[in-house]
Amino acid sequence: MARRRSEDVLALIQRVGRLKISGRDVAILPFDPRDLRCYRRGTCEVAMAQVLRRAHDGLPRGRLVVVTGNVHAMHLRPADAPAGLPAQPMTALLQDLAPYSVNVTAARGA
């Protein structure tokens, strides 16, 4: 399954590249800090939200499409969430921007 997801992400990146070459105003913005310190401190959700907020603020008329995992896209932490889930997921920290989350699921191997 991981290979399929990697191929899909690569295809998305290549498509954005083609749009850019054709003159479209598009960009890819990596926003995961990948910093062990933020994972240890539990501040990664805040760091990711800050990167996305700055990107949003730089797009006065544009749209920001964020591709992220389920937990980061949650608007609030479920009451029955396991201990490992962040107190405030990334999207919960961006509520003033009126984010819209779409949960995409597929049958095994789809």
PDB file of N, CA and C in Angstrom:
ATOM      1  N   MET A   1       0.815  -1.192   0.000  1.00  0.00           N
ATOM      2  CA  MET A   1       0.000   0.000   0.000  1.00  0.00           C
ATOM      3  C   MET A   1       0.860   1.259   0.000  1.00  0.00           C
ATOM      4  N   ALA A   2       1.952   1.258   0.757  1.00  0.00           N
ATOM      5  CA  ALA A   2       2.811   2.441   0.816  1.00  0.00           C
ATOM      6  C   ALA A   2       3.373   2.779  -0.553  1.00  0.00           C
ATOM      7  N   ARG A   3       3.712   1.766  -1.325  1.00  0.00           N
ATOM      8  CA  ARG A   3       4.252   2.031  -2.658  1.00  0.00           C
ATOM      9  C   ARG A   3       3.224   2.751  -3.520  1.00  0.00           C
ATOM     10  N   ARG A   4       1.994   2.312  -3.467  1.00  0.00           N
ATOM     11  CA  ARG A   4       0.941   2.945  -4.253  1.00  0.00           C
ATOM     12  C   ARG A   4       0.794   4.417  -3.861  1.00  0.00           C
ATOM     13  N   ARG A   5       0.782   4.692  -2.570  1.00  0.00           N
ATOM     14  CA  ARG A   5       0.661   6.075  -2.111  1.00  0.00           C
ATOM     15  C   ARG A   5       1.838   6.913  -2.584  1.00  0.00           C
ATOM     16  N   SER A   6       3.040   6.357  -2.529  1.00  0.00           N
ATOM     17  CA  SER A   6       4.225   7.079  -2.994  1.00  0.00           C
ATOM     18  C   SER A   6       4.111   7.390  -4.476  1.00  0.00           C
ATOM     19  N   GLU A   7       3.628   6.445  -5.250  1.00  0.00           N
ATOM     20  CA  GLU A   7       3.456   6.675  -6.683  1.00  0.00           C
ATOM     21  C   GLU A   7       2.418   7.763  -6.938  1.00  0.00           C
ATOM     22  N   ASP A   8       1.362   7.771  -6.159  1.00  0.00           N
ATOM     23  CA  ASP A   8       0.328   8.794  -6.318  1.00  0.00           C
ATOM     24  C   ASP A   8       0.856  10.181  -5.966  1.00  0.00           C
ATOM     25  N   VAL A   9       1.646  10.262  -4.911  1.00  0.00           N
ATOM     26  CA  VAL A   9       2.231  11.550  -4.518  1.00  0.00           C
ATOM     27  C   VAL A   9       3.195  12.026  -5.604  1.00  0.00           C
ATOM     28  N   LEU A  10       4.009  11.123  -6.125  1.00  0.00           N
ATOM     29  CA  LEU A  10       4.928  11.489  -7.206  1.00  0.00           C
ATOM     30  C   LEU A  10       4.145  11.981  -8.423  1.00  0.00           C
ATOM     31  N   ALA A  11       3.063  11.315  -8.773  1.00  0.00           N
ATOM     32  CA  ALA A  11       2.245  11.743  -9.914  1.00  0.00           C
ATOM     33  C   ALA A  11       1.661  13.139  -9.672  1.00  0.00           C
ATOM     34  N   LEU A  12       1.237  13.417  -8.446  1.00  0.00           N
ATOM     35  CA  LEU A  12       0.706  14.737  -8.116  1.00  0.00           C
ATOM     36  C   LEU A  12       1.784  15.807  -8.258  1.00  0.00           C
ATOM     37  N   ILE A  13       2.978  15.517  -7.759  1.00  0.00           N
ATOM     38  CA  ILE A  13       4.090  16.467  -7.865  1.00  0.00           C
ATOM     39  C   ILE A  13       4.431  16.725  -9.330  1.00  0.00           C
ATOM     40  N   GLN A  14       4.455  15.681 -10.130  1.00  0.00           N
ATOM     41  CA  GLN A  14       4.762  15.847 -11.553  1.00  0.00           C
ATOM     42  C   GLN A  14       3.684  16.676 -12.253  1.00  0.00           C
ATOM     43  N   ARG A  15       2.441  16.461 -11.887  1.00  0.00           N
ATOM     44  CA  ARG A  15       1.343  17.229 -12.492  1.00  0.00           C
ATOM     45  C   ARG A  15       1.451  18.707 -12.132  1.00  0.00           C
ATOM     46  N   VAL A  16       1.758  18.998 -10.890  1.00  0.00           N
ATOM     47  CA  VAL A  16       1.937  20.389 -10.473  1.00  0.00           C
ATOM     48  C   VAL A  16       3.099  21.016 -11.240  1.00  0.00           C
ATOM     49  N   GLY A  17       4.167  20.250 -11.426  1.00  0.00           N
ATOM     50  CA  GLY A  17       5.306  20.741 -12.207  1.00  0.00           C
ATOM     51  C   GLY A  17       4.905  21.097 -13.631  1.00  0.00           C
ATOM     52  N   ARG A  18       4.089  20.252 -14.245  1.00  0.00           N
ATOM     53  CA  ARG A  18       3.619  20.542 -15.613  1.00  0.00           C
ATOM     54  C   ARG A  18       2.735  21.786 -15.642  1.00  0.00           C
ATOM     55  N   LEU A  19       1.900  21.946 -14.624  1.00  0.00           N
ATOM     56  CA  LEU A  19       1.061  23.145 -14.555  1.00  0.00           C
ATOM     57  C   LEU A  19       1.933  24.398 -14.430  1.00  0.00           C
ATOM     58  N   LYS A  20       2.964  24.314 -13.605  1.00  0.00           N
ATOM     59  CA  LYS A  20       3.887  25.440 -13.418  1.00  0.00           C
ATOM     60  C   LYS A  20       4.566  25.804 -14.737  1.00  0.00           C
ATOM     61  N   ILE A  21       5.058  24.793 -15.446  1.00  0.00           N
ATOM     62  CA  ILE A  21       5.735  25.010 -16.734  1.00  0.00           C
ATOM     63  C   ILE A  21       4.784  25.647 -17.742  1.00  0.00           C
ATOM     64  N   SER A  22       3.491  25.291 -17.660  1.00  0.00           N
ATOM     65  CA  SER A  22       2.518  25.843 -18.612  1.00  0.00           C
ATOM     66  C   SER A  22       2.078  27.260 -18.232  1.00  0.00           C
ATOM     67  N   GLY A  23       2.661  27.816 -17.158  1.00  0.00           N
ATOM     68  CA  GLY A  23       2.360  29.196 -16.797  1.00  0.00           C
ATOM     69  C   GLY A  23       1.383  29.367 -15.652  1.00  0.00           C
ATOM     70  N   ARG A  24       0.914  28.286 -15.086  1.00  0.00           N
ATOM     71  CA  ARG A  24      -0.015  28.396 -13.953  1.00  0.00           C
ATOM     72  C   ARG A  24       0.728  28.832 -12.695  1.00  0.00           C
ATOM     73  N   ASP A  25       0.046  29.561 -11.859  1.00  0.00           N
ATOM     74  CA  ASP A  25       0.616  30.044 -10.601  1.00  0.00           C
ATOM     75  C   ASP A  25       0.351  29.000  -9.510  1.00  0.00           C
ATOM     76  N   VAL A  26       1.183  27.966  -9.489  1.00  0.00           N
ATOM     77  CA  VAL A  26       1.046  26.877  -8.523  1.00  0.00           C
ATOM     78  C   VAL A  26       2.408  26.601  -7.889  1.00  0.00           C
ATOM     79  N   ALA A  27       2.373  25.998  -6.721  1.00  0.00           N
ATOM     80  CA  ALA A  27       3.615  25.637  -6.041  1.00  0.00           C
ATOM     81  C   ALA A  27       3.345  24.485  -5.089  1.00  0.00           C
ATOM     82  N   ILE A  28       4.388  23.794  -4.736  1.00  0.00           N
ATOM     83  CA  ILE A  28       4.324  22.746  -3.722  1.00  0.00           C
ATOM     84  C   ILE A  28       5.090  23.251  -2.508  1.00  0.00           C
ATOM     85  N   LEU A  29       4.473  23.128  -1.360  1.00  0.00           N
ATOM     86  CA  LEU A  29       5.078  23.607  -0.128  1.00  0.00           C
ATOM     87  C   LEU A  29       5.159  22.468   0.881  1.00  0.00           C
ATOM     88  N   PRO A  30       6.357  21.955   1.135  1.00  0.00           N
ATOM     89  CA  PRO A  30       6.470  20.966   2.213  1.00  0.00           C
ATOM     90  C   PRO A  30       6.260  21.664   3.550  1.00  0.00           C
ATOM     91  N   PHE A  31       5.459  21.073   4.428  1.00  0.00           N
ATOM     92  CA  PHE A  31       5.153  21.776   5.676  1.00  0.00           C
ATOM     93  C   PHE A  31       5.384  20.939   6.921  1.00  0.00           C
ATOM     94  N   ASP A  32       5.814  19.709   6.785  1.00  0.00           N
ATOM     95  CA  ASP A  32       6.106  18.879   7.954  1.00  0.00           C
ATOM     96  C   ASP A  32       7.523  19.182   8.405  1.00  0.00           C
ATOM     97  N   PRO A  33       7.711  19.625   9.648  1.00  0.00           N
ATOM     98  CA  PRO A  33       9.046  20.028  10.103  1.00  0.00           C
ATOM     99  C   PRO A  33      10.059  18.893  10.159  1.00  0.00           C
ATOM    100  N   ARG A  34       9.616  17.661  10.270  1.00  0.00           N
ATOM    101  CA  ARG A  34      10.533  16.508  10.351  1.00  0.00           C
ATOM    102  C   ARG A  34      11.678  16.775  11.318  1.00  0.00           C
ATOM    103  N   ASP A  35      11.332  17.326  12.446  1.00  0.00           N
ATOM    104  CA  ASP A  35      12.301  17.675  13.473  1.00  0.00           C
ATOM    105  C   ASP A  35      11.982  16.857  14.718  1.00  0.00           C
ATOM    106  N   LEU A  36      12.902  16.018  15.126  1.00  0.00           N
ATOM    107  CA  LEU A  36      12.659  15.160  16.291  1.00  0.00           C
ATOM    108  C   LEU A  36      12.331  15.964  17.538  1.00  0.00           C
ATOM    109  N   ARG A  37      12.891  17.179  17.633  1.00  0.00           N
ATOM    110  CA  ARG A  37      12.609  18.010  18.813  1.00  0.00           C
ATOM    111  C   ARG A  37      11.130  18.354  18.914  1.00  0.00           C
ATOM    112  N   CYS A  38      10.497  18.685  17.802  1.00  0.00           N
ATOM    113  CA  CYS A  38       9.081  19.057  17.880  1.00  0.00           C
ATOM    114  C   CYS A  38       8.232  17.835  18.208  1.00  0.00           C
ATOM    115  N   TYR A  39       8.652  16.654  17.741  1.00  0.00           N
ATOM    116  CA  TYR A  39       7.909  15.444  18.099  1.00  0.00           C
ATOM    117  C   TYR A  39       8.033  15.165  19.595  1.00  0.00           C
ATOM    118  N   ARG A  40       9.226  15.350  20.134  1.00  0.00           N
ATOM    119  CA  ARG A  40       9.431  15.126  21.573  1.00  0.00           C
ATOM    120  C   ARG A  40       8.654  16.136  22.411  1.00  0.00           C
ATOM    121  N   ARG A  41       8.589  17.379  21.949  1.00  0.00           N
ATOM    122  CA  ARG A  41       7.896  18.433  22.699  1.00  0.00           C
ATOM    123  C   ARG A  41       6.400  18.465  22.405  1.00  0.00           C
ATOM    124  N   GLY A  42       5.993  17.788  21.340  1.00  0.00           N
ATOM    125  CA  GLY A  42       4.582  17.808  20.966  1.00  0.00           C
ATOM    126  C   GLY A  42       4.155  19.093  20.290  1.00  0.00           C
ATOM    127  N   THR A  43       5.077  19.766  19.598  1.00  0.00           N
ATOM    128  CA  THR A  43       4.768  21.061  18.967  1.00  0.00           C
ATOM    129  C   THR A  43       4.697  21.000  17.442  1.00  0.00           C
ATOM    130  N   CYS A  44       4.728  19.816  16.869  1.00  0.00           N
ATOM    131  CA  CYS A  44       4.734  19.709  15.399  1.00  0.00           C
ATOM    132  C   CYS A  44       3.445  20.227  14.765  1.00  0.00           C
ATOM    133  N   GLU A  45       2.305  19.970  15.402  1.00  0.00           N
ATOM    134  CA  GLU A  45       1.036  20.453  14.838  1.00  0.00           C
ATOM    135  C   GLU A  45       1.052  21.977  14.749  1.00  0.00           C
ATOM    136  N   VAL A  46       1.568  22.632  15.779  1.00  0.00           N
ATOM    137  CA  VAL A  46       1.662  24.098  15.788  1.00  0.00           C
ATOM    138  C   VAL A  46       2.619  24.564  14.698  1.00  0.00           C
ATOM    139  N   ALA A  47       3.764  23.900  14.560  1.00  0.00           N
ATOM    140  CA  ALA A  47       4.755  24.291  13.550  1.00  0.00           C
ATOM    141  C   ALA A  47       4.174  24.162  12.143  1.00  0.00           C
ATOM    142  N   MET A  48       3.465  23.064  11.877  1.00  0.00           N
ATOM    143  CA  MET A  48       2.860  22.875  10.555  1.00  0.00           C
ATOM    144  C   MET A  48       1.783  23.919  10.307  1.00  0.00           C
ATOM    145  N   ALA A  49       0.969  24.201  11.304  1.00  0.00           N
ATOM    146  CA  ALA A  49      -0.079  25.212  11.150  1.00  0.00           C
ATOM    147  C   ALA A  49       0.524  26.583  10.847  1.00  0.00           C
ATOM    148  N   GLN A  50       1.633  26.909  11.478  1.00  0.00           N
ATOM    149  CA  GLN A  50       2.278  28.206  11.236  1.00  0.00           C
ATOM    150  C   GLN A  50       2.776  28.313   9.795  1.00  0.00           C
ATOM    151  N   VAL A  51       3.367  27.237   9.276  1.00  0.00           N
ATOM    152  CA  VAL A  51       3.835  27.247   7.883  1.00  0.00           C
ATOM    153  C   VAL A  51       2.649  27.453   6.939  1.00  0.00           C
ATOM    154  N   LEU A  52       1.569  26.737   7.175  1.00  0.00           N
ATOM    155  CA  LEU A  52       0.397  26.859   6.301  1.00  0.00           C
ATOM    156  C   LEU A  52      -0.274  28.216   6.437  1.00  0.00           C
ATOM    157  N   ARG A  53      -0.293  28.775   7.628  1.00  0.00           N
ATOM    158  CA  ARG A  53      -0.877  30.108   7.814  1.00  0.00           C
ATOM    159  C   ARG A  53      -0.089  31.161   7.022  1.00  0.00           C
ATOM    160  N   ARG A  54       1.235  31.086   7.086  1.00  0.00           N
ATOM    161  CA  ARG A  54       2.067  32.032   6.320  1.00  0.00           C
ATOM    162  C   ARG A  54       1.806  31.874   4.815  1.00  0.00           C
ATOM    163  N   ALA A  55       1.698  30.624   4.363  1.00  0.00           N
ATOM    164  CA  ALA A  55       1.417  30.388   2.942  1.00  0.00           C
ATOM    165  C   ALA A  55       0.055  30.954   2.571  1.00  0.00           C
ATOM    166  N   HIS A  56      -0.931  30.726   3.398  1.00  0.00           N
ATOM    167  CA  HIS A  56      -2.282  31.257   3.152  1.00  0.00           C
ATOM    168  C   HIS A  56      -2.266  32.781   3.081  1.00  0.00           C
ATOM    169  N   ASP A  57      -1.570  33.395   4.018  1.00  0.00           N
ATOM    170  CA  ASP A  57      -1.504  34.856   4.055  1.00  0.00           C
ATOM    171  C   ASP A  57      -0.811  35.427   2.820  1.00  0.00           C
ATOM    172  N   GLY A  58       0.033  34.633   2.179  1.00  0.00           N
ATOM    173  CA  GLY A  58       0.721  35.062   0.967  1.00  0.00           C
ATOM    174  C   GLY A  58      -0.104  34.864  -0.296  1.00  0.00           C
ATOM    175  N   LEU A  59      -1.311  34.335  -0.153  1.00  0.00           N
ATOM    176  CA  LEU A  59      -2.194  34.089  -1.297  1.00  0.00           C
ATOM    177  C   LEU A  59      -3.473  34.911  -1.147  1.00  0.00           C
ATOM    178  N   PRO A  60      -3.414  36.194  -1.445  1.00  0.00           N
ATOM    179  CA  PRO A  60      -4.592  37.033  -1.212  1.00  0.00           C
ATOM    180  C   PRO A  60      -5.843  36.571  -1.967  1.00  0.00           C
ATOM    181  N   ARG A  61      -5.680  35.961  -3.136  1.00  0.00           N
ATOM    182  CA  ARG A  61      -6.842  35.499  -3.893  1.00  0.00           C
ATOM    183  C   ARG A  61      -6.764  34.019  -4.212  1.00  0.00           C
ATOM    184  N   GLY A  62      -5.683  33.384  -3.841  1.00  0.00           N
ATOM    185  CA  GLY A  62      -5.491  31.990  -4.197  1.00  0.00           C
ATOM    186  C   GLY A  62      -6.096  31.018  -3.214  1.00  0.00           C
ATOM    187  N   ARG A  63      -5.955  29.768  -3.535  1.00  0.00           N
ATOM    188  CA  ARG A  63      -6.433  28.685  -2.684  1.00  0.00           C
ATOM    189  C   ARG A  63      -5.240  27.856  -2.254  1.00  0.00           C
ATOM    190  N   LEU A  64      -5.325  27.336  -1.077  1.00  0.00           N
ATOM    191  CA  LEU A  64      -4.293  26.465  -0.535  1.00  0.00           C
ATOM    192  C   LEU A  64      -4.910  25.073  -0.429  1.00  0.00           C
ATOM    193  N   VAL A  65      -4.363  24.124  -1.155  1.00  0.00           N
ATOM    194  CA  VAL A  65      -4.818  22.738  -1.082  1.00  0.00           C
ATOM    195  C   VAL A  65      -3.751  21.974  -0.312  1.00  0.00           C
ATOM    196  N   VAL A  66      -4.153  21.397   0.794  1.00  0.00           N
ATOM    197  CA  VAL A  66      -3.214  20.715   1.671  1.00  0.00           C
ATOM    198  C   VAL A  66      -3.504  19.220   1.628  1.00  0.00           C
ATOM    199  N   VAL A  67      -2.485  18.457   1.332  1.00  0.00           N
ATOM    200  CA  VAL A  67      -2.602  17.002   1.348  1.00  0.00           C
ATOM    201  C   VAL A  67      -1.885  16.529   2.600  1.00  0.00           C
ATOM    202  N   THR A  68      -2.647  15.933   3.498  1.00  0.00           N
ATOM    203  CA  THR A  68      -2.077  15.520   4.780  1.00  0.00           C
ATOM    204  C   THR A  68      -2.804  14.289   5.299  1.00  0.00           C
ATOM    205  N   GLY A  69      -2.266  13.739   6.342  1.00  0.00           N
ATOM    206  CA  GLY A  69      -2.871  12.561   6.948  1.00  0.00           C
ATOM    207  C   GLY A  69      -4.106  12.894   7.770  1.00  0.00           C
ATOM    208  N   ASN A  70      -4.830  11.868   8.107  1.00  0.00           N
ATOM    209  CA  ASN A  70      -6.112  11.979   8.792  1.00  0.00           C
ATOM    210  C   ASN A  70      -6.040  12.787  10.085  1.00  0.00           C
ATOM    211  N   VAL A  71      -5.090  12.479  10.954  1.00  0.00           N
ATOM    212  CA  VAL A  71      -5.021  13.160  12.255  1.00  0.00           C
ATOM    213  C   VAL A  71      -4.775  14.653  12.077  1.00  0.00           C
ATOM    214  N   HIS A  72      -3.843  15.025  11.213  1.00  0.00           N
ATOM    215  CA  HIS A  72      -3.535  16.440  11.003  1.00  0.00           C
ATOM    216  C   HIS A  72      -4.734  17.207  10.441  1.00  0.00           C
ATOM    217  N   ALA A  73      -5.591  16.532   9.684  1.00  0.00           N
ATOM    218  CA  ALA A  73      -6.734  17.184   9.041  1.00  0.00           C
ATOM    219  C   ALA A  73      -7.957  17.308   9.945  1.00  0.00           C
ATOM    220  N   MET A  74      -7.885  16.757  11.141  1.00  0.00           N
ATOM    221  CA  MET A  74      -9.038  16.812  12.043  1.00  0.00           C
ATOM    222  C   MET A  74      -9.292  18.239  12.528  1.00  0.00           C
ATOM    223  N   HIS A  75     -10.556  18.612  12.547  1.00  0.00           N
ATOM    224  CA  HIS A  75     -10.941  19.939  13.018  1.00  0.00           C
ATOM    225  C   HIS A  75     -10.930  20.024  14.541  1.00  0.00           C
ATOM    226  N   LEU A  76     -11.039  18.892  15.198  1.00  0.00           N
ATOM    227  CA  LEU A  76     -10.916  18.831  16.643  1.00  0.00           C
ATOM    228  C   LEU A  76     -10.538  17.420  17.056  1.00  0.00           C
ATOM    229  N   ARG A  77      -9.963  17.317  18.209  1.00  0.00           N
ATOM    230  CA  ARG A  77      -9.536  16.016  18.729  1.00  0.00           C
ATOM    231  C   ARG A  77     -10.776  15.268  19.213  1.00  0.00           C
ATOM    232  N   PRO A  78     -10.992  14.052  18.729  1.00  0.00           N
ATOM    233  CA  PRO A  78     -12.157  13.293  19.185  1.00  0.00           C
ATOM    234  C   PRO A  78     -12.090  13.038  20.692  1.00  0.00           C
ATOM    235  N   ALA A  79     -13.234  13.019  21.330  1.00  0.00           N
ATOM    236  CA  ALA A  79     -13.293  12.791  22.774  1.00  0.00           C
ATOM    237  C   ALA A  79     -12.701  11.435  23.152  1.00  0.00           C
ATOM    238  N   ASP A  80     -12.851  10.442  22.283  1.00  0.00           N
ATOM    239  CA  ASP A  80     -12.353   9.099  22.582  1.00  0.00           C
ATOM    240  C   ASP A  80     -10.993   8.821  21.922  1.00  0.00           C
ATOM    241  N   ALA A  81     -10.257   9.876  21.617  1.00  0.00           N
ATOM    242  CA  ALA A  81      -8.968   9.725  20.931  1.00  0.00           C
ATOM    243  C   ALA A  81      -7.958   9.016  21.832  1.00  0.00           C
ATOM    244  N   PRO A  82      -7.116   8.178  21.228  1.00  0.00           N
ATOM    245  CA  PRO A  82      -6.070   7.531  22.018  1.00  0.00           C
ATOM    246  C   PRO A  82      -5.050   8.562  22.522  1.00  0.00           C
ATOM    247  N   ALA A  83      -4.306   8.186  23.522  1.00  0.00           N
ATOM    248  CA  ALA A  83      -3.360   9.098  24.180  1.00  0.00           C
ATOM    249  C   ALA A  83      -2.352   9.722  23.213  1.00  0.00           C
ATOM    250  N   GLY A  84      -1.971   9.024  22.158  1.00  0.00           N
ATOM    251  CA  GLY A  84      -0.944   9.525  21.255  1.00  0.00           C
ATOM    252  C   GLY A  84      -1.383  10.647  20.332  1.00  0.00           C
ATOM    253  N   LEU A  85      -2.687  10.881  20.190  1.00  0.00           N
ATOM    254  CA  LEU A  85      -3.155  11.939  19.303  1.00  0.00           C
ATOM    255  C   LEU A  85      -2.885  13.305  19.922  1.00  0.00           C
ATOM    256  N   PRO A  86      -2.518  14.291  19.088  1.00  0.00           N
ATOM    257  CA  PRO A  86      -2.237  15.626  19.628  1.00  0.00           C
ATOM    258  C   PRO A  86      -3.477  16.254  20.248  1.00  0.00           C
ATOM    259  N   ALA A  87      -3.257  17.113  21.232  1.00  0.00           N
ATOM    260  CA  ALA A  87      -4.360  17.812  21.892  1.00  0.00           C
ATOM    261  C   ALA A  87      -5.123  18.675  20.893  1.00  0.00           C
ATOM    262  N   GLN A  88      -4.389  19.334  19.991  1.00  0.00           N
ATOM    263  CA  GLN A  88      -5.002  20.136  18.931  1.00  0.00           C
ATOM    264  C   GLN A  88      -4.355  19.766  17.608  1.00  0.00           C
ATOM    265  N   PRO A  89      -5.075  19.052  16.738  1.00  0.00           N
ATOM    266  CA  PRO A  89      -4.523  18.745  15.421  1.00  0.00           C
ATOM    267  C   PRO A  89      -4.263  20.026  14.615  1.00  0.00           C
ATOM    268  N   MET A  90      -3.414  19.930  13.625  1.00  0.00           N
ATOM    269  CA  MET A  90      -3.011  21.072  12.809  1.00  0.00           C
ATOM    270  C   MET A  90      -4.214  21.871  12.306  1.00  0.00           C
ATOM    271  N   THR A  91      -5.192  21.209  11.736  1.00  0.00           N
ATOM    272  CA  THR A  91      -6.340  21.911  11.167  1.00  0.00           C
ATOM    273  C   THR A  91      -7.161  22.618  12.236  1.00  0.00           C
ATOM    274  N   ALA A  92      -7.202  22.072  13.445  1.00  0.00           N
ATOM    275  CA  ALA A  92      -7.913  22.726  14.537  1.00  0.00           C
ATOM    276  C   ALA A  92      -7.299  24.080  14.851  1.00  0.00           C
ATOM    277  N   LEU A  93      -6.009  24.224  14.587  1.00  0.00           N
ATOM    278  CA  LEU A  93      -5.312  25.487  14.844  1.00  0.00           C
ATOM    279  C   LEU A  93      -5.534  26.510  13.734  1.00  0.00           C
ATOM    280  N   LEU A  94      -6.216  26.110  12.680  1.00  0.00           N
ATOM    281  CA  LEU A  94      -6.450  26.990  11.529  1.00  0.00           C
ATOM    282  C   LEU A  94      -7.936  27.268  11.315  1.00  0.00           C
ATOM    283  N   GLN A  95      -8.753  27.085  12.329  1.00  0.00           N
ATOM    284  CA  GLN A  95     -10.201  27.218  12.181  1.00  0.00           C
ATOM    285  C   GLN A  95     -10.634  28.594  11.680  1.00  0.00           C
ATOM    286  N   ASP A  96      -9.897  29.640  12.010  1.00  0.00           N
ATOM    287  CA  ASP A  96     -10.264  30.979  11.552  1.00  0.00           C
ATOM    288  C   ASP A  96     -10.138  31.118  10.035  1.00  0.00           C
ATOM    289  N   LEU A  97      -9.458  30.180   9.383  1.00  0.00           N
ATOM    290  CA  LEU A  97      -9.323  30.207   7.926  1.00  0.00           C
ATOM    291  C   LEU A  97     -10.418  29.390   7.246  1.00  0.00           C
ATOM    292  N   ALA A  98     -11.335  28.851   8.032  1.00  0.00           N
ATOM    293  CA  ALA A  98     -12.455  28.046   7.535  1.00  0.00           C
ATOM    294  C   ALA A  98     -11.994  26.874   6.657  1.00  0.00           C
ATOM    295  N   PRO A  99     -11.132  26.020   7.179  1.00  0.00           N
ATOM    296  CA  PRO A  99     -10.656  24.885   6.379  1.00  0.00           C
ATOM    297  C   PRO A  99     -11.768  23.886   6.108  1.00  0.00           C
ATOM    298  N   TYR A 100     -11.634  23.204   5.005  1.00  0.00           N
ATOM    299  CA  TYR A 100     -12.589  22.172   4.601  1.00  0.00           C
ATOM    300  C   TYR A 100     -11.802  20.879   4.444  1.00  0.00           C
ATOM    301  N   SER A 101     -12.157  19.873   5.203  1.00  0.00           N
ATOM    302  CA  SER A 101     -11.436  18.598   5.148  1.00  0.00           C
ATOM    303  C   SER A 101     -12.248  17.560   4.411  1.00  0.00           C
ATOM    304  N   VAL A 102     -11.564  16.796   3.575  1.00  0.00           N
ATOM    305  CA  VAL A 102     -12.172  15.695   2.849  1.00  0.00           C
ATOM    306  C   VAL A 102     -11.418  14.431   3.254  1.00  0.00           C
ATOM    307  N   ASN A 103     -12.140  13.468   3.788  1.00  0.00           N
ATOM    308  CA  ASN A 103     -11.534  12.210   4.186  1.00  0.00           C
ATOM    309  C   ASN A 103     -11.648  11.234   3.017  1.00  0.00           C
ATOM    310  N   VAL A 104     -10.534  10.945   2.383  1.00  0.00           N
ATOM    311  CA  VAL A 104     -10.517  10.048   1.238  1.00  0.00           C
ATOM    312  C   VAL A 104     -10.133   8.658   1.719  1.00  0.00           C
ATOM    313  N   THR A 105     -10.990   7.703   1.461  1.00  0.00           N
ATOM    314  CA  THR A 105     -10.705   6.317   1.823  1.00  0.00           C
ATOM    315  C   THR A 105     -10.870   5.448   0.585  1.00  0.00           C
ATOM    316  N   ALA A 106     -10.307   4.276   0.652  1.00  0.00           N
ATOM    317  CA  ALA A 106     -10.420   3.356  -0.472  1.00  0.00           C
ATOM    318  C   ALA A 106     -10.439   1.939   0.056  1.00  0.00           C
ATOM    319  N   ALA A 107     -11.030   1.067  -0.731  1.00  0.00           N
ATOM    320  CA  ALA A 107     -11.000  -0.357  -0.382  1.00  0.00           C
ATOM    321  C   ALA A 107      -9.569  -0.839  -0.540  1.00  0.00           C
ATOM    322  N   ARG A 108      -9.229  -1.839   0.175  1.00  0.00           N
ATOM    323  CA  ARG A 108      -7.887  -2.395   0.118  1.00  0.00           C
ATOM    324  C   ARG A 108      -7.456  -2.635  -1.331  1.00  0.00           C
ATOM    325  N   GLY A 109      -6.283  -2.131  -1.663  1.00  0.00           N
ATOM    326  CA  GLY A 109      -5.735  -2.326  -3.000  1.00  0.00           C
ATOM    327  C   GLY A 109      -6.324  -1.422  -4.063  1.00  0.00           C
ATOM    328  N   ALA A 110      -7.256  -0.533  -3.677  1.00  0.00           N
ATOM    329  CA  ALA A 110      -7.869   0.346  -4.674  1.00  0.00           C
ATOM    330  C   ALA A 110      -6.958   1.527  -4.966  1.00  0.00           C
TER     331      ALA A 110
END
